[in-house]
Protein backbone atom coordinates (compact mmCIF):
# COMPACT_ATOMS: atom_id res chain seq x y z
CA MET A 1 41.46 -25.23 14.81
CA GLY A 2 38.08 -24.47 15.76
CA CYS A 3 36.35 -21.85 13.68
CA SER A 4 33.26 -21.79 11.98
CA GLY A 5 31.47 -19.59 8.69
CA SER A 6 28.40 -18.84 11.17
CA PHE A 7 30.87 -16.37 13.14
CA LEU A 8 33.18 -14.44 11.04
CA LYS A 9 34.10 -11.01 12.82
CA ASP A 10 35.00 -9.30 9.24
CA ASP A 11 31.26 -10.68 8.51
CA ASP A 12 29.68 -9.39 11.82
CA ASN A 13 31.28 -5.68 11.00
CA ASN A 14 30.00 -5.96 7.55
CA ASN A 15 26.40 -6.95 9.07
CA ASN A 16 26.35 -4.02 11.14
CA ASN A 17 27.62 -1.82 8.08
CA ARG A 18 24.87 -3.18 6.22
CA GLU A 19 22.02 -2.45 8.83
CA MET A 20 23.40 1.40 9.29
CA GLU A 21 22.72 1.74 5.45
CA ASN A 22 19.06 -0.13 5.68
CA GLU A 23 18.30 2.08 8.55
CA GLN A 24 16.63 5.05 6.90
CA PRO A 25 14.51 7.44 8.73
CA GLU A 26 11.04 6.55 8.90
CA ASN A 27 8.92 9.60 6.72
CA LYS A 28 5.89 10.39 8.75
CA GLN A 29 2.38 9.54 7.04
CA THR A 30 1.07 12.80 6.64
CA PRO A 31 -2.96 12.36 6.67
CA ILE A 32 -4.63 12.82 3.58
CA VAL A 33 -7.77 15.20 5.29
CA ASN A 34 -5.47 17.64 6.89
CA PRO A 35 -7.46 19.46 10.19
CA HIS A 36 -8.33 22.55 8.31
CA VAL A 37 -10.72 20.34 5.69
CA LYS A 38 -11.92 18.84 8.77
CA LYS A 39 -12.88 22.03 10.47
CA LEU A 40 -14.55 23.41 7.03
CA LEU A 41 -16.30 19.91 7.07
CA LYS A 42 -17.79 20.84 10.22
CA SER A 43 -19.47 24.08 8.57
CA GLU A 44 -23.01 24.44 7.00
CA ARG A 45 -22.13 27.13 5.06
CA PRO A 46 -22.16 25.98 1.51
CA ASP A 47 -18.61 27.93 0.62
CA ASP A 48 -16.95 25.95 3.37
CA LEU A 49 -18.70 22.59 2.12
CA LEU A 50 -16.85 24.14 -1.55
CA MET A 51 -13.87 25.17 -0.03
CA ALA A 52 -13.70 21.74 2.11
CA TYR A 53 -14.71 19.69 -1.01
CA ILE A 54 -11.50 21.59 -3.14
CA TYR A 55 -9.14 21.22 -0.54
CA LEU A 56 -10.34 17.36 -0.33
CA ASP A 57 -10.16 16.92 -3.83
CA LYS A 58 -6.31 18.40 -4.10
CA GLU A 59 -5.15 15.80 -1.87
CA ILE A 60 -6.65 13.12 -3.12
CA SER A 61 -5.31 13.68 -6.41
CA ASP A 62 -1.53 14.34 -4.81
CA ALA A 63 -2.31 10.74 -2.93
CA GLU A 64 -3.35 9.07 -6.50
CA ASN A 65 0.14 10.08 -8.05
CA GLU A 66 1.86 8.29 -5.46
CA CYS A 67 0.37 5.15 -6.70
CA PRO A 68 -0.04 3.42 -3.94
CA ALA A 69 -2.24 0.62 -5.47
CA SER A 70 0.57 -0.19 -7.86
CA ILE A 71 3.57 -0.06 -5.17
CA TYR A 72 0.94 -2.61 -3.09
CA GLY A 73 0.99 -4.78 -5.88
CA GLU A 74 4.62 -4.43 -6.99
CA ALA A 75 5.40 -5.02 -3.20
CA LEU A 76 3.33 -8.15 -2.91
CA SER A 77 4.90 -9.77 -6.29
CA ARG A 78 7.96 -9.02 -4.65
CA GLN A 79 7.65 -10.04 -1.30
CA GLN A 80 6.95 -13.99 -3.01
CA GLN A 81 10.05 -13.79 -5.03
CA ILE A 82 12.04 -12.50 -1.55
CA LYS A 83 10.26 -15.46 -0.08
CA SER A 84 11.32 -17.84 -2.67
CA HIS A 85 15.03 -16.98 -2.30
CA LEU A 86 14.99 -17.38 1.88
CA GLN A 87 13.30 -20.44 1.46
CA LEU A 88 15.85 -21.71 -0.56
CA ALA A 89 18.91 -19.94 1.77
CA LEU A 90 16.95 -21.97 4.44
CA GLU A 91 17.26 -25.14 3.09
CA GLU A 92 20.95 -24.53 1.84
CA LYS A 93 21.78 -23.92 5.47
CA ASN A 94 20.26 -26.95 6.40
CA HIS A 95 22.16 -29.26 4.26
CA LYS A 96 25.77 -27.95 5.03
CA ASN A 97 27.83 -29.87 6.42
CA SER A 98 27.41 -30.35 10.10
CA ASN A 99 30.84 -30.61 11.02
CA VAL A 100 31.86 -26.93 10.24
CA ILE A 101 33.08 -26.04 14.07
CA LYS A 102 30.95 -23.26 15.59
CA GLU A 103 33.48 -20.85 17.39
CA LYS A 104 33.55 -17.71 16.37
CA CYS A 105 36.22 -16.30 15.44
CA SER A 106 37.69 -14.07 12.38
CA ILE A 107 39.29 -15.11 9.32
CA TYR A 108 42.53 -13.48 9.97
CA ASP A 109 42.60 -16.38 12.91
CA ILE A 110 41.63 -19.27 10.68
CA PHE A 111 44.75 -17.81 7.99
CA ILE A 112 46.86 -17.73 11.18
CA GLU A 113 45.82 -21.02 12.64
CA LEU A 114 45.95 -23.01 10.00
CA GLY A 115 48.96 -21.31 8.72
CA LEU A 116 47.76 -20.36 5.38
CA LYS A 117 49.92 -17.54 4.58
CA ASN A 118 52.30 -20.40 2.98
CA SER A 119 50.70 -20.77 -0.76
CA LYS A 120 51.53 -24.96 0.22
CA ASN A 121 49.35 -24.96 3.12
CA ALA A 122 46.31 -23.21 1.55
CA ILE A 123 46.49 -25.37 -1.56
CA GLU A 124 45.94 -28.21 1.00
CA HIS A 125 42.92 -26.85 2.90
CA GLU A 126 41.37 -24.83 0.45
CA GLU A 127 38.39 -26.91 0.22
CA PHE A 128 38.15 -26.57 4.09
CA VAL A 129 38.30 -22.67 3.84
CA ALA A 130 35.94 -22.88 0.61
CA ARG A 131 33.38 -24.60 2.85
CA ILE A 132 33.59 -22.28 5.68
CA ASN A 133 33.11 -19.36 3.43
CA ARG A 134 30.22 -21.14 1.79
CA ARG A 135 28.55 -21.66 4.85
CA ALA A 136 29.34 -17.86 6.04
CA LEU A 137 27.70 -16.73 2.71
CA ASN A 138 24.45 -18.98 3.26
CA LEU A 139 24.34 -17.17 6.44
CA ASN A 140 25.21 -14.24 5.08
CA SER A 141 22.27 -14.61 2.28
CA ILE A 142 19.84 -15.47 4.76
CA ARG A 143 20.24 -12.34 6.98
CA ILE A 144 19.93 -10.29 3.52
CA TRP A 145 16.66 -11.93 2.42
CA GLN A 146 15.25 -11.53 5.96
CA GLU A 147 15.95 -7.60 5.84
CA GLU A 148 14.36 -7.59 2.70
CA THR A 149 11.33 -9.56 3.82
CA GLU A 150 11.02 -7.20 6.57
CA ASN A 151 11.65 -3.91 4.29
CA ILE A 152 9.12 -5.36 1.90
CA GLU A 153 6.36 -6.16 4.24
CA ASN A 154 6.82 -1.97 5.67
CA ARG A 155 6.43 -1.48 2.15
CA ILE A 156 3.36 -3.36 2.09
CA GLU A 157 2.04 -2.22 5.19
CA LYS A 158 2.60 1.74 3.86
CA ALA A 159 1.05 1.37 0.70
CA SER A 160 -1.54 0.03 2.29
CA LYS A 161 -2.60 2.11 4.93
CA LYS A 162 -2.10 5.12 1.89
CA ILE A 163 -4.72 2.58 0.40
CA ASP A 164 -7.02 2.71 2.69
CA ASP A 165 -5.99 6.63 3.80
CA LEU A 166 -7.08 7.31 0.27
CA GLN A 167 -10.48 4.74 0.13
CA LYS A 168 -11.51 6.91 3.25
CA ALA A 169 -11.09 9.68 1.31
CA TYR A 170 -12.82 8.80 -1.48
CA ASN A 171 -15.76 7.96 0.83
CA LEU A 172 -15.73 11.15 2.87
CA GLN A 173 -15.69 12.77 -0.66
CA GLU A 174 -18.73 11.03 -1.42
CA GLN A 175 -20.52 12.10 1.50
CA LEU A 176 -19.52 15.52 1.07
CA LEU A 177 -21.18 15.65 -2.78
CA GLU A 178 -24.40 14.38 -0.63
CA VAL A 179 -24.29 16.76 2.00
CA MET A 180 -23.61 19.32 -0.96
CA LEU A 181 -26.01 18.26 -2.99
CA GLU A 182 -28.61 18.08 -0.37
CA LYS A 183 -27.92 20.94 1.10
CA GLN A 184 -28.50 22.89 -3.05
CA LEU A 185 -31.37 20.89 -3.24
CA ASP A 186 -32.88 22.24 0.00
CA ARG A 187 -31.85 25.65 -1.37
CA MET A 188 -33.41 24.71 -4.82
CA ARG A 189 -36.64 23.72 -2.96
CA TYR A 190 -36.41 27.13 -0.94
CA TYR A 191 -36.00 29.09 -3.99
CA LYS A 192 -39.11 27.05 -6.04
CA ASP A 193 -41.26 28.10 -2.85
CA LEU A 194 -40.59 31.08 -3.22
CA LEU A 195 -41.47 31.40 -6.72
CA CYS A 196 -44.32 29.64 -6.04
CA ILE A 197 -45.59 32.65 -3.31
CA GLY A 198 -44.86 34.83 -5.70
CA VAL A 199 -46.78 33.31 -8.21
CA MET A 200 -49.61 32.94 -6.25
CA GLN A 201 -49.18 36.73 -5.05
CA TRP A 202 -48.92 37.91 -9.07
CA GLU A 203 -52.08 36.00 -9.70
CA ALA A 204 -53.72 37.19 -6.65
CA CYS A 205 -53.26 40.60 -7.66
CA LEU A 206 -53.69 40.02 -11.49
CA GLU A 207 -57.38 39.00 -9.75
CA ARG A 208 -57.53 41.98 -7.69
CA ILE A 209 -56.50 44.18 -10.82
CA LYS A 210 -59.41 42.45 -12.87
CA ASN A 211 -61.63 42.96 -10.28
CA ALA A 212 -60.92 46.50 -9.90
CA VAL A 213 -61.57 46.95 -13.67
CA ARG A 214 -64.29 44.82 -13.67
CA LEU A 215 -66.22 47.35 -10.94
CA SER A 216 -64.64 50.33 -12.34
CA LYS A 217 -66.41 49.62 -15.53
CA ARG A 218 -69.57 48.98 -13.23
CA ALA A 219 -69.41 52.12 -11.42
CA ARG A 220 -68.82 53.61 -15.32
CA ASP A 221 -72.17 51.88 -16.79
CA CYS A 222 -74.12 53.33 -13.28
CA PHE A 223 -72.42 56.73 -13.68
CA GLN A 224 -73.85 57.26 -17.50
CA GLU A 225 -77.11 55.38 -16.51
CA SER A 226 -77.36 58.00 -13.91
CA ILE A 227 -76.29 60.74 -17.00
CA ILE A 228 -78.40 60.01 -19.60
CA LEU A 229 -81.77 59.44 -16.97
CA ILE A 230 -81.00 63.14 -15.13
CA HIS A 231 -80.08 64.31 -18.55
CA SER A 232 -83.81 62.56 -20.04
CA SER A 233 -85.33 64.42 -16.65
CA GLU A 234 -84.19 67.96 -17.75
CA GLU A 235 -85.75 67.69 -20.89
CA LEU A 236 -89.01 66.82 -19.60
CA LEU A 237 -88.80 69.00 -17.09
CA GLN A 238 -87.38 71.99 -18.98
CA ASP A 239 -88.62 74.51 -15.80
CA VAL A 240 -87.03 72.30 -13.18
CA GLN A 241 -83.99 73.22 -11.82
CA PHE A 242 -82.34 70.71 -10.19
CA PRO A 243 -80.16 71.12 -7.61
CA TYR A 244 -76.88 69.20 -5.52
CA CYS A 245 -75.88 67.12 -8.81
CA THR A 246 -75.58 67.99 -12.51
CA THR A 247 -74.86 66.61 -15.93
CA ARG A 248 -71.46 67.71 -15.92
CA GLU A 249 -70.17 67.01 -12.92
CA LEU A 250 -71.55 63.39 -13.67
CA LYS A 251 -69.58 63.56 -16.94
CA GLY A 252 -66.62 64.80 -15.12
CA ALA A 253 -66.44 61.97 -13.06
CA LEU A 254 -67.23 59.25 -15.61
CA GLU A 255 -64.20 60.42 -18.38
CA TYR A 256 -61.71 60.60 -15.70
CA ILE A 257 -62.90 57.41 -13.41
CA PHE A 258 -59.90 54.94 -14.86
CA THR A 259 -57.47 57.81 -14.58
CA ASP A 260 -58.43 58.17 -11.23
CA ILE A 261 -58.08 55.62 -9.93
CA LEU A 262 -54.40 54.47 -11.23
CA ILE A 263 -53.18 57.53 -10.13
CA GLU A 264 -52.33 57.03 -6.38
CA ASP A 265 -52.76 61.18 -5.24
CA ARG A 266 -55.59 61.66 -7.65
CA TYR A 267 -56.98 58.47 -6.54
CA LEU A 268 -57.28 59.89 -2.84
CA HIS A 269 -58.58 62.85 -4.37
CA ALA A 270 -61.86 61.67 -6.80
CA THR A 271 -62.12 58.87 -3.87
CA GLN A 272 -63.25 62.09 -1.62
CA VAL A 273 -65.31 63.71 -4.74
CA TYR A 274 -66.69 60.23 -5.40
CA LYS A 275 -68.35 60.24 -1.86
CA ASN A 276 -69.03 63.80 -2.18
CA LEU A 277 -71.02 63.14 -5.13
CA ARG A 278 -73.09 60.50 -4.00
CA GLU A 279 -74.36 62.28 -0.90
CA ARG A 280 -75.50 64.81 -3.44
CA ALA A 281 -77.01 62.51 -5.64
CA THR A 282 -78.88 60.97 -2.63
CA LEU A 283 -80.07 64.83 -1.79
CA LEU A 284 -80.92 64.94 -5.09
CA GLU A 285 -83.50 61.87 -4.78
CA ASN A 286 -84.67 62.69 -1.56
CA TRP A 287 -85.53 66.31 -2.94
CA MET A 288 -87.10 64.37 -6.29
CA ASN A 289 -88.65 61.80 -3.71
CA GLU A 290 -90.39 64.98 -1.96
CA LYS A 291 -91.33 66.71 -4.77
CA LEU A 292 -93.21 63.91 -6.42
CA ILE A 293 -94.89 63.53 -3.12
CA SER A 294 -95.91 67.24 -2.95
CA GLU A 295 -97.01 67.66 -6.26
CA SER A 296 -99.31 64.04 -6.38
CA LYS A 297 -100.92 66.06 -3.18
CA ARG A 298 -102.01 68.54 -4.87
């Protein structure tokens, strides 16, 4: 009567069916940072870095929606429960009756050999069959809990991988923000330098304008003084005709001195006029010196 519950072919078939049911296609883990984002991260252009940040932020959001940390914590808790059930099943196996026979055969063979189709025989061998069945149930529960252990370990491993990938994405996002902020800071420094240069140029321009106005006022005052002096000389020497330069010419140059400076076309013309006027004023000065010398000799 050699049959045991370690054994049953019917149970083996059930085991195979359960293994096939548990075999699920493994989902390929998609990397949280896709190649497109990695390509953008290598760029120095601010637009590409901004686009990389947007893509990365979306991928992080999608990864967070999968709640890997919660899955990991729940799986760890479940793992402890499964280990407890497996430990109990193993202890139960060790305490089973060692007299249970070890050969493998089907439950059908047991029924035939013991003649269990007869209800009287079935009652007589009830406890023996029950022990064999309990043994089979115990071994089956061990197999089930071992499979559950393997499944939960795979789940923990996948959740841990997702958590690690998410943490790497966080670190990458932080580095990307630092790079973007550094580039923005460099840009702001560049703009600040441009503004400082612009301010310095405007200040220099303003200073030149002030100097130009100051020199123009000085020239105006000199012109006015020359007009007054020449006019006084003409009043003192009424019979003398001054050549080269007249008070009318000096007044014309005096009245339009500022507008001549501000208008480009007139400035070029006025510059030439002032040069001619200066030359004639020099000739007038020489003429007056000669007259004074000649008159003094008389």
